[in-house]
Amino acid sequence: MRVVIQRVTEAHVDVAGATVGAIRTGLLVLVGVTSTDTQKDAEYLADKIIHLRIFPDDVRRMNRSLLEAQGELLVVSQFTLYGDCRKGRRPGFDEAAPPEQAKTLYDYFVERLRLSNTIVETGVFQAEMEVHLINDGPVTFVLDSNKNS
């Protein structure tokens, strides 16, 4: 699994002109799933996201986790994180998991995040979405469960 996390002061996702998920201070999490991913990958990334110390403390150092900052999560599926642009002019998506497999793991990932008693909002899997955010910092990280050693 691959995620892009962005620290935000607010974010929301719209589908067909209606807001389906919205948060205040927290993290926007874009999630891509590949065909070799398992529940272990989802568990690893959920735990990493919840405990990663990327929120400012009293002296503005990145020293607090999402839990300590009482932040919220907006999780949006994004298969294009596994787009391969190395050849030609059109991205290839061979590494992205088939929709049924990706949805199962995406849903499991969201449930793992919810176990932390954090507010977790989501987009709509496979929908055309508009994601709106105010990036705080800006602070953006890419995490990949296949590189967790």
Protein backbone atom coordinates (compact mmCIF):
# COMPACT_ATOMS: atom_id res chain seq x y z
CA MET A 1 0.00 0.00 0.00
CA ARG A 2 1.08 3.51 -0.66
CA VAL A 3 -0.27 6.63 1.02
CA VAL A 4 0.30 10.32 0.65
CA ILE A 5 -0.46 12.16 3.88
CA GLN A 6 -0.89 15.90 4.07
CA ARG A 7 -1.24 17.81 7.30
CA VAL A 8 -4.25 20.09 6.89
CA THR A 9 -6.13 22.78 8.75
CA GLU A 10 -9.26 21.63 6.92
CA ALA A 11 -10.22 19.32 4.07
CA HIS A 12 -13.33 17.98 2.42
CA VAL A 13 -14.24 15.73 -0.47
CA ASP A 14 -17.21 16.24 -2.77
CA VAL A 15 -18.98 13.76 -5.04
CA ALA A 16 -21.48 15.08 -7.61
CA GLY A 17 -21.48 18.48 -5.89
CA ALA A 18 -22.22 17.15 -2.40
CA THR A 19 -19.74 16.95 0.46
CA VAL A 20 -19.33 13.32 1.54
CA GLY A 21 -16.51 13.77 4.07
CA ALA A 22 -14.98 16.75 5.87
CA ILE A 23 -12.44 17.36 8.63
CA ARG A 24 -10.83 20.22 10.47
CA THR A 25 -7.21 19.96 11.70
CA GLY A 26 -5.69 16.60 10.88
CA LEU A 27 -4.49 14.56 7.95
CA LEU A 28 -5.73 14.03 4.43
CA VAL A 29 -4.72 10.47 3.50
CA LEU A 30 -4.67 9.44 -0.17
CA VAL A 31 -4.54 5.62 -0.43
CA GLY A 32 -3.38 3.37 -3.24
CA VAL A 33 -3.51 -0.43 -3.14
CA THR A 34 -1.44 -2.85 -5.20
CA SER A 35 -2.30 -6.48 -5.92
CA THR A 36 0.32 -7.87 -3.51
CA ASP A 37 -0.91 -5.91 -0.48
CA THR A 38 -2.36 -7.68 2.54
CA GLN A 39 -4.05 -6.75 5.80
CA LYS A 40 -0.58 -6.54 7.33
CA ASP A 41 0.22 -3.64 5.01
CA ALA A 42 -2.97 -1.84 6.07
CA GLU A 43 -2.22 -2.44 9.76
CA TYR A 44 1.34 -1.16 9.42
CA LEU A 45 0.29 2.05 7.65
CA ALA A 46 -2.66 2.73 9.96
CA ASP A 47 -0.42 2.44 13.01
CA LYS A 48 2.30 4.57 11.40
CA ILE A 49 -0.15 7.34 10.45
CA ILE A 50 -1.76 7.51 13.89
CA HIS A 51 1.59 7.70 15.72
CA LEU A 52 3.79 9.65 13.28
CA ARG A 53 5.02 12.78 15.07
CA ILE A 54 4.32 15.45 12.46
CA PHE A 55 2.19 17.95 14.40
CA PRO A 56 3.79 20.95 16.10
CA ASP A 57 4.36 21.15 19.83
CA ASP A 58 4.39 24.38 21.86
CA VAL A 59 7.66 25.51 20.26
CA ARG A 60 6.50 24.61 16.70
CA ARG A 61 8.65 21.45 16.40
CA MET A 62 7.15 18.36 14.78
CA ASN A 63 6.83 16.43 17.99
CA ARG A 64 3.18 15.41 18.38
CA SER A 65 1.20 12.57 16.84
CA LEU A 66 -2.28 12.81 15.35
CA LEU A 67 -3.64 11.43 18.63
CA GLU A 68 -1.77 13.97 20.75
CA ALA A 69 -2.92 16.79 18.48
CA GLN A 70 -6.50 15.45 18.56
CA GLY A 71 -6.52 15.55 14.78
CA GLU A 72 -9.02 14.06 12.38
CA LEU A 73 -8.54 11.93 9.25
CA LEU A 74 -9.99 12.21 5.76
CA VAL A 75 -9.18 9.03 3.81
CA VAL A 76 -9.58 9.02 0.02
CA SER A 77 -8.87 6.09 -2.31
CA GLN A 78 -6.53 6.95 -5.17
CA PHE A 79 -5.44 4.16 -7.50
CA THR A 80 -3.29 6.62 -9.47
CA LEU A 81 -0.66 6.34 -6.71
CA TYR A 82 0.33 3.16 -8.54
CA GLY A 83 0.44 4.83 -11.95
CA ASP A 84 3.65 4.12 -13.85
CA CYS A 85 4.74 7.05 -16.02
CA ARG A 86 8.19 5.77 -16.98
CA LYS A 87 7.29 4.65 -20.50
CA GLY A 88 5.35 6.53 -23.13
CA ARG A 89 2.99 9.40 -22.46
CA ARG A 90 0.08 7.58 -20.86
CA PRO A 91 0.38 6.17 -17.33
CA GLY A 92 0.04 2.42 -16.87
CA PHE A 93 -1.86 1.03 -13.91
CA ASP A 94 -0.77 -2.62 -13.97
CA GLU A 95 0.47 -2.40 -10.37
CA ALA A 96 -2.86 -1.13 -9.01
CA ALA A 97 -5.05 -3.80 -7.42
CA PRO A 98 -8.33 -4.75 -9.14
CA PRO A 99 -11.24 -2.69 -7.73
CA GLU A 100 -12.79 -5.51 -5.65
CA GLN A 101 -9.49 -6.36 -3.96
CA ALA A 102 -8.58 -2.70 -3.47
CA LYS A 103 -11.96 -1.86 -1.90
CA THR A 104 -11.72 -4.73 0.57
CA LEU A 105 -8.28 -3.60 1.74
CA TYR A 106 -9.23 0.09 1.70
CA ASP A 107 -12.25 -0.65 3.92
CA TYR A 108 -10.06 -2.69 6.28
CA PHE A 109 -7.53 0.17 6.44
CA VAL A 110 -10.29 2.65 7.33
CA GLU A 111 -11.59 0.34 10.06
CA ARG A 112 -8.06 0.00 11.51
CA LEU A 113 -7.80 3.79 11.66
CA ARG A 114 -11.18 4.00 13.40
CA LEU A 115 -9.91 1.68 16.16
CA SER A 116 -7.79 4.61 17.37
CA ASN A 117 -10.94 6.50 18.41
CA THR A 118 -10.08 9.25 15.94
CA ILE A 119 -12.66 10.91 13.71
CA VAL A 120 -12.28 9.26 10.30
CA GLU A 121 -14.15 10.59 7.27
CA THR A 122 -13.88 9.09 3.78
CA GLY A 123 -14.52 9.72 0.15
CA VAL A 124 -16.51 7.30 -2.02
CA PHE A 125 -14.53 4.40 -3.45
CA GLN A 126 -14.26 4.54 -7.29
CA ALA A 127 -16.22 7.80 -7.52
CA GLU A 128 -15.10 10.92 -9.34
CA MET A 129 -14.19 13.16 -6.40
CA GLU A 130 -13.10 16.72 -5.83
CA VAL A 131 -10.73 17.00 -2.89
CA HIS A 132 -10.37 20.41 -1.26
CA LEU A 133 -7.72 21.10 1.36
CA ILE A 134 -5.67 23.70 3.09
CA ASN A 135 -2.24 22.15 3.52
CA ASP A 136 -0.69 23.15 6.85
CA GLY A 137 3.02 23.84 6.60
CA PRO A 138 2.96 22.57 3.89
CA VAL A 139 3.65 19.14 5.36
CA THR A 140 3.38 16.17 3.00
CA PHE A 141 4.81 12.65 3.29
CA VAL A 142 4.69 9.51 1.16
CA LEU A 143 4.60 6.19 3.01
CA ASP A 144 4.86 2.78 1.36
CA SER A 145 4.23 -0.42 3.27
CA ASN A 146 6.55 -2.31 0.92
CA LYS A 147 9.45 -0.20 2.22
CA ASN A 148 8.79 -0.67 5.93
CA SER A 149 11.99 -2.46 6.87
